[in-house]
Amino acid sequence: MTIRFEEKVSIENAQLVCQWSNSLGKSFQEQWMGPRIPFLLTLQALEGVFSIFDEQEFVGFIQKIRLEDSNLHIGRFFINPQKQGQGLDSQALRKFVSLAFENEDI
């Protein structure tokens, strides 16, 4: 398992996220996106995100929201439902937090 990140999400991968989220229903989407993002999820709602890859496979995304110069808030974090429970989510979160502390541009 080799986790890597790319800034932004391609249209093709954003469509996958919309499919994953929409397949899990409105209550799931409200839980992870909040009530302000309308169901069904659309591409426009996926801004300011980093794509998560395992090797070359797109497996999810993580959104960062910088609140202040020294504080970072992780907004939304989503892994393909078929890939959950395999350790990808915890490894991706740990790696993203480490990168954020190492690189101020994240």
N, C-alpha and C. Protein backbone atom coordinates (compact mmCIF):
# COMPACT_ATOMS: atom_id res chain seq x y z
N MET A 1 0.86 -1.17 0.00
CA MET A 1 0.00 0.00 0.00
C MET A 1 0.91 1.24 0.00
N THR A 2 0.80 2.04 -1.05
CA THR A 2 1.57 3.28 -1.15
C THR A 2 0.61 4.43 -1.38
N ILE A 3 0.38 5.22 -0.35
CA ILE A 3 -0.55 6.34 -0.43
C ILE A 3 0.17 7.57 -0.95
N ARG A 4 -0.46 8.27 -1.88
CA ARG A 4 0.06 9.55 -2.37
C ARG A 4 -1.12 10.49 -2.60
N PHE A 5 -0.80 11.78 -2.70
CA PHE A 5 -1.82 12.81 -2.86
C PHE A 5 -1.54 13.63 -4.11
N GLU A 6 -2.59 14.12 -4.72
CA GLU A 6 -2.50 15.09 -5.80
C GLU A 6 -3.47 16.21 -5.48
N GLU A 7 -2.98 17.44 -5.66
CA GLU A 7 -3.87 18.58 -5.42
C GLU A 7 -4.96 18.57 -6.48
N LYS A 8 -6.17 18.85 -6.06
CA LYS A 8 -7.38 18.86 -6.89
C LYS A 8 -7.86 17.44 -7.14
N VAL A 9 -8.97 17.36 -7.81
CA VAL A 9 -9.54 16.07 -8.18
C VAL A 9 -9.98 16.19 -9.63
N SER A 10 -9.64 15.21 -10.45
CA SER A 10 -10.03 15.25 -11.86
C SER A 10 -11.55 15.10 -11.97
N ILE A 11 -12.08 15.50 -13.09
CA ILE A 11 -13.53 15.38 -13.31
C ILE A 11 -13.95 13.91 -13.21
N GLU A 12 -13.15 13.04 -13.81
CA GLU A 12 -13.47 11.61 -13.77
C GLU A 12 -13.51 11.08 -12.33
N ASN A 13 -12.52 11.46 -11.53
CA ASN A 13 -12.49 10.99 -10.14
C ASN A 13 -13.55 11.67 -9.28
N ALA A 14 -13.85 12.93 -9.57
CA ALA A 14 -14.93 13.61 -8.84
C ALA A 14 -16.27 12.93 -9.12
N GLN A 15 -16.45 12.47 -10.35
CA GLN A 15 -17.67 11.74 -10.67
C GLN A 15 -17.76 10.44 -9.88
N LEU A 16 -16.61 9.79 -9.67
CA LEU A 16 -16.60 8.58 -8.83
C LEU A 16 -17.03 8.90 -7.41
N VAL A 17 -16.49 9.99 -6.84
CA VAL A 17 -16.86 10.38 -5.48
C VAL A 17 -18.36 10.65 -5.40
N CYS A 18 -18.89 11.35 -6.39
CA CYS A 18 -20.34 11.62 -6.40
C CYS A 18 -21.12 10.31 -6.44
N GLN A 19 -20.69 9.37 -7.25
CA GLN A 19 -21.37 8.07 -7.32
C GLN A 19 -21.29 7.34 -5.98
N TRP A 20 -20.08 7.31 -5.38
CA TRP A 20 -19.92 6.62 -4.10
C TRP A 20 -20.84 7.23 -3.05
N SER A 21 -20.81 8.56 -2.95
CA SER A 21 -21.60 9.24 -1.93
C SER A 21 -23.09 9.08 -2.19
N ASN A 22 -23.50 9.31 -3.42
CA ASN A 22 -24.92 9.22 -3.75
C ASN A 22 -25.47 7.81 -3.54
N SER A 23 -24.62 6.79 -3.75
CA SER A 23 -25.08 5.41 -3.56
C SER A 23 -25.34 5.09 -2.09
N LEU A 24 -24.73 5.86 -1.19
CA LEU A 24 -24.91 5.61 0.25
C LEU A 24 -26.06 6.39 0.85
N GLY A 25 -26.66 7.29 0.07
CA GLY A 25 -27.88 7.97 0.50
C GLY A 25 -27.68 9.34 1.13
N LYS A 26 -28.80 10.02 1.26
CA LYS A 26 -28.83 11.39 1.76
C LYS A 26 -28.31 11.51 3.19
N SER A 27 -28.71 10.62 4.08
CA SER A 27 -28.28 10.74 5.48
C SER A 27 -26.77 10.56 5.61
N PHE A 28 -26.20 9.65 4.82
CA PHE A 28 -24.74 9.49 4.85
C PHE A 28 -24.06 10.75 4.36
N GLN A 29 -24.55 11.30 3.26
CA GLN A 29 -23.93 12.51 2.71
C GLN A 29 -24.01 13.67 3.70
N GLU A 30 -25.14 13.83 4.36
CA GLU A 30 -25.26 14.91 5.35
C GLU A 30 -24.29 14.71 6.51
N GLN A 31 -24.01 13.46 6.85
CA GLN A 31 -23.08 13.17 7.94
C GLN A 31 -21.67 13.60 7.59
N TRP A 32 -21.22 13.32 6.38
CA TRP A 32 -19.82 13.62 6.06
C TRP A 32 -19.63 14.93 5.32
N MET A 33 -20.65 15.48 4.67
CA MET A 33 -20.51 16.74 3.94
C MET A 33 -21.20 17.90 4.67
N GLY A 34 -22.11 17.58 5.56
CA GLY A 34 -22.87 18.61 6.25
C GLY A 34 -24.16 18.92 5.52
N PRO A 35 -25.09 19.58 6.20
CA PRO A 35 -26.41 19.82 5.63
C PRO A 35 -26.45 20.90 4.55
N ARG A 36 -25.39 21.70 4.41
CA ARG A 36 -25.41 22.77 3.41
C ARG A 36 -25.14 22.29 1.99
N ILE A 37 -24.58 21.11 1.85
CA ILE A 37 -24.30 20.55 0.52
C ILE A 37 -25.52 19.74 0.11
N PRO A 38 -26.18 20.14 -0.99
CA PRO A 38 -27.41 19.45 -1.36
C PRO A 38 -27.15 18.03 -1.86
N PHE A 39 -28.09 17.16 -1.57
CA PHE A 39 -28.09 15.81 -2.10
C PHE A 39 -28.89 15.87 -3.40
N LEU A 40 -28.45 15.40 -4.41
CA LEU A 40 -27.35 14.56 -4.80
C LEU A 40 -26.07 15.40 -4.91
N LEU A 41 -24.94 14.81 -4.54
CA LEU A 41 -23.66 15.49 -4.59
C LEU A 41 -23.29 15.79 -6.04
N THR A 42 -22.76 17.00 -6.27
CA THR A 42 -22.35 17.41 -7.62
C THR A 42 -20.87 17.77 -7.63
N LEU A 43 -20.31 17.90 -8.83
CA LEU A 43 -18.89 18.21 -8.99
C LEU A 43 -18.53 19.55 -8.36
N GLN A 44 -19.40 20.53 -8.41
CA GLN A 44 -19.10 21.86 -7.89
C GLN A 44 -18.84 21.85 -6.38
N ALA A 45 -19.36 20.88 -5.68
CA ALA A 45 -19.17 20.81 -4.22
C ALA A 45 -17.79 20.28 -3.84
N LEU A 46 -17.03 19.82 -4.82
CA LEU A 46 -15.73 19.19 -4.54
C LEU A 46 -14.58 20.12 -4.90
N GLU A 47 -14.48 21.23 -4.19
CA GLU A 47 -13.40 22.18 -4.43
C GLU A 47 -12.46 22.20 -3.24
N GLY A 48 -11.19 22.55 -3.48
CA GLY A 48 -10.21 22.64 -2.41
C GLY A 48 -9.82 21.30 -1.83
N VAL A 49 -9.81 20.27 -2.66
CA VAL A 49 -9.54 18.93 -2.17
C VAL A 49 -8.25 18.37 -2.75
N PHE A 50 -7.75 17.35 -2.09
CA PHE A 50 -6.61 16.58 -2.57
C PHE A 50 -7.10 15.17 -2.86
N SER A 51 -6.73 14.66 -4.03
CA SER A 51 -7.06 13.28 -4.37
C SER A 51 -6.14 12.34 -3.61
N ILE A 52 -6.66 11.21 -3.21
CA ILE A 52 -5.87 10.18 -2.54
C ILE A 52 -5.76 8.99 -3.48
N PHE A 53 -4.53 8.53 -3.68
CA PHE A 53 -4.27 7.38 -4.53
C PHE A 53 -3.56 6.30 -3.72
N ASP A 54 -3.88 5.06 -4.01
CA ASP A 54 -3.11 3.91 -3.54
C ASP A 54 -2.42 3.39 -4.79
N GLU A 55 -1.10 3.60 -4.85
CA GLU A 55 -0.35 3.35 -6.08
C GLU A 55 -0.95 4.27 -7.16
N GLN A 56 -1.53 3.70 -8.22
CA GLN A 56 -2.13 4.50 -9.29
C GLN A 56 -3.66 4.57 -9.20
N GLU A 57 -4.25 3.89 -8.23
CA GLU A 57 -5.70 3.82 -8.12
C GLU A 57 -6.25 4.95 -7.26
N PHE A 58 -7.20 5.70 -7.80
CA PHE A 58 -7.88 6.74 -7.04
C PHE A 58 -8.77 6.06 -6.00
N VAL A 59 -8.57 6.41 -4.71
CA VAL A 59 -9.34 5.74 -3.65
C VAL A 59 -10.15 6.71 -2.79
N GLY A 60 -9.97 8.02 -2.99
CA GLY A 60 -10.74 8.96 -2.18
C GLY A 60 -10.18 10.36 -2.24
N PHE A 61 -10.63 11.20 -1.31
CA PHE A 61 -10.11 12.56 -1.26
C PHE A 61 -10.18 13.10 0.16
N ILE A 62 -9.41 14.17 0.36
CA ILE A 62 -9.38 14.85 1.64
C ILE A 62 -9.37 16.35 1.36
N GLN A 63 -10.11 17.09 2.15
CA GLN A 63 -10.21 18.54 1.95
C GLN A 63 -9.57 19.24 3.14
N LYS A 64 -8.75 20.21 2.83
CA LYS A 64 -8.16 21.01 3.90
C LYS A 64 -8.77 22.40 3.85
N ILE A 65 -8.96 22.96 5.03
CA ILE A 65 -9.46 24.33 5.15
C ILE A 65 -8.54 25.01 6.15
N ARG A 66 -7.74 25.95 5.69
CA ARG A 66 -6.84 26.65 6.60
C ARG A 66 -7.62 27.76 7.30
N LEU A 67 -7.70 27.68 8.61
CA LEU A 67 -8.44 28.67 9.39
C LEU A 67 -7.57 29.85 9.77
N GLU A 68 -6.34 29.58 10.17
CA GLU A 68 -5.38 30.61 10.55
C GLU A 68 -4.03 30.13 10.06
N ASP A 69 -3.02 30.99 10.12
CA ASP A 69 -1.70 30.61 9.63
C ASP A 69 -1.17 29.34 10.26
N SER A 70 -1.38 29.15 11.54
CA SER A 70 -0.80 27.99 12.22
C SER A 70 -1.79 26.87 12.51
N ASN A 71 -3.02 27.02 12.08
CA ASN A 71 -4.04 26.00 12.34
C ASN A 71 -4.58 25.45 11.03
N LEU A 72 -4.72 24.16 10.97
CA LEU A 72 -5.26 23.52 9.78
C LEU A 72 -6.47 22.68 10.18
N HIS A 73 -7.53 22.85 9.46
CA HIS A 73 -8.75 22.07 9.70
C HIS A 73 -8.95 21.15 8.50
N ILE A 74 -9.13 19.87 8.76
CA ILE A 74 -9.45 18.93 7.69
C ILE A 74 -10.96 18.89 7.59
N GLY A 75 -11.46 19.32 6.43
CA GLY A 75 -12.89 19.46 6.26
C GLY A 75 -13.59 18.15 5.95
N ARG A 76 -13.31 17.58 4.81
CA ARG A 76 -14.00 16.38 4.38
C ARG A 76 -12.97 15.33 3.99
N PHE A 77 -13.28 14.09 4.30
CA PHE A 77 -12.36 12.98 4.07
C PHE A 77 -13.21 11.78 3.70
N PHE A 78 -12.95 11.21 2.53
CA PHE A 78 -13.82 10.14 2.03
C PHE A 78 -13.00 9.11 1.27
N ILE A 79 -13.18 7.86 1.62
CA ILE A 79 -12.52 6.73 0.96
C ILE A 79 -13.61 5.90 0.28
N ASN A 80 -13.30 5.39 -0.90
CA ASN A 80 -14.21 4.51 -1.63
C ASN A 80 -14.79 3.48 -0.66
N PRO A 81 -16.11 3.37 -0.58
CA PRO A 81 -16.72 2.42 0.35
C PRO A 81 -16.22 0.98 0.19
N GLN A 82 -15.85 0.59 -1.03
CA GLN A 82 -15.35 -0.76 -1.26
C GLN A 82 -13.92 -0.95 -0.75
N LYS A 83 -13.24 0.16 -0.44
CA LYS A 83 -11.86 0.11 0.05
C LYS A 83 -11.76 0.36 1.55
N GLN A 84 -12.88 0.68 2.18
CA GLN A 84 -12.86 0.96 3.61
C GLN A 84 -12.60 -0.33 4.39
N GLY A 85 -11.99 -0.16 5.57
CA GLY A 85 -11.70 -1.31 6.41
C GLY A 85 -10.41 -2.02 6.06
N GLN A 86 -9.62 -1.43 5.15
CA GLN A 86 -8.36 -2.05 4.73
C GLN A 86 -7.15 -1.26 5.23
N GLY A 87 -7.40 -0.25 6.05
CA GLY A 87 -6.31 0.55 6.58
C GLY A 87 -5.94 1.75 5.73
N LEU A 88 -6.57 1.90 4.57
CA LEU A 88 -6.27 3.04 3.70
C LEU A 88 -6.62 4.36 4.37
N ASP A 89 -7.77 4.40 5.03
CA ASP A 89 -8.23 5.65 5.62
C ASP A 89 -7.29 6.14 6.71
N SER A 90 -6.89 5.29 7.62
CA SER A 90 -6.00 5.74 8.70
C SER A 90 -4.61 6.07 8.17
N GLN A 91 -4.12 5.30 7.21
CA GLN A 91 -2.80 5.60 6.63
C GLN A 91 -2.84 6.92 5.87
N ALA A 92 -3.89 7.16 5.11
CA ALA A 92 -4.01 8.41 4.35
C ALA A 92 -4.11 9.61 5.28
N LEU A 93 -4.90 9.50 6.33
CA LEU A 93 -5.05 10.61 7.26
C LEU A 93 -3.73 10.93 7.96
N ARG A 94 -3.04 9.91 8.45
CA ARG A 94 -1.74 10.13 9.10
C ARG A 94 -0.75 10.78 8.14
N LYS A 95 -0.70 10.29 6.91
CA LYS A 95 0.25 10.84 5.93
C LYS A 95 -0.10 12.27 5.57
N PHE A 96 -1.39 12.57 5.43
CA PHE A 96 -1.80 13.93 5.08
C PHE A 96 -1.45 14.90 6.20
N VAL A 97 -1.69 14.52 7.44
CA VAL A 97 -1.35 15.38 8.58
C VAL A 97 0.16 15.61 8.62
N SER A 98 0.94 14.57 8.40
CA SER A 98 2.40 14.72 8.38
C SER A 98 2.83 15.67 7.27
N LEU A 99 2.26 15.51 6.08
CA LEU A 99 2.59 16.41 4.97
C LEU A 99 2.22 17.85 5.28
N ALA A 100 1.09 18.04 5.93
CA ALA A 100 0.65 19.39 6.26
C ALA A 100 1.63 20.07 7.21
N PHE A 101 2.18 19.33 8.16
CA PHE A 101 3.16 19.91 9.08
C PHE A 101 4.50 20.16 8.39
N GLU A 102 4.83 19.35 7.39
CA GLU A 102 6.10 19.50 6.68
C GLU A 102 6.04 20.56 5.59
N ASN A 103 4.87 20.78 5.01
CA ASN A 103 4.74 21.63 3.83
C ASN A 103 3.64 22.65 4.07
N GLU A 104 4.00 23.91 4.20
CA GLU A 104 3.02 24.96 4.47
C GLU A 104 2.08 25.21 3.30
N ASP A 105 2.44 24.74 2.09
CA ASP A 105 1.59 24.94 0.92
C ASP A 105 0.38 24.03 0.92
N ILE A 106 0.39 23.03 1.77
CA ILE A 106 -0.77 22.11 1.83
C ILE A 106 -1.83 22.70 2.71
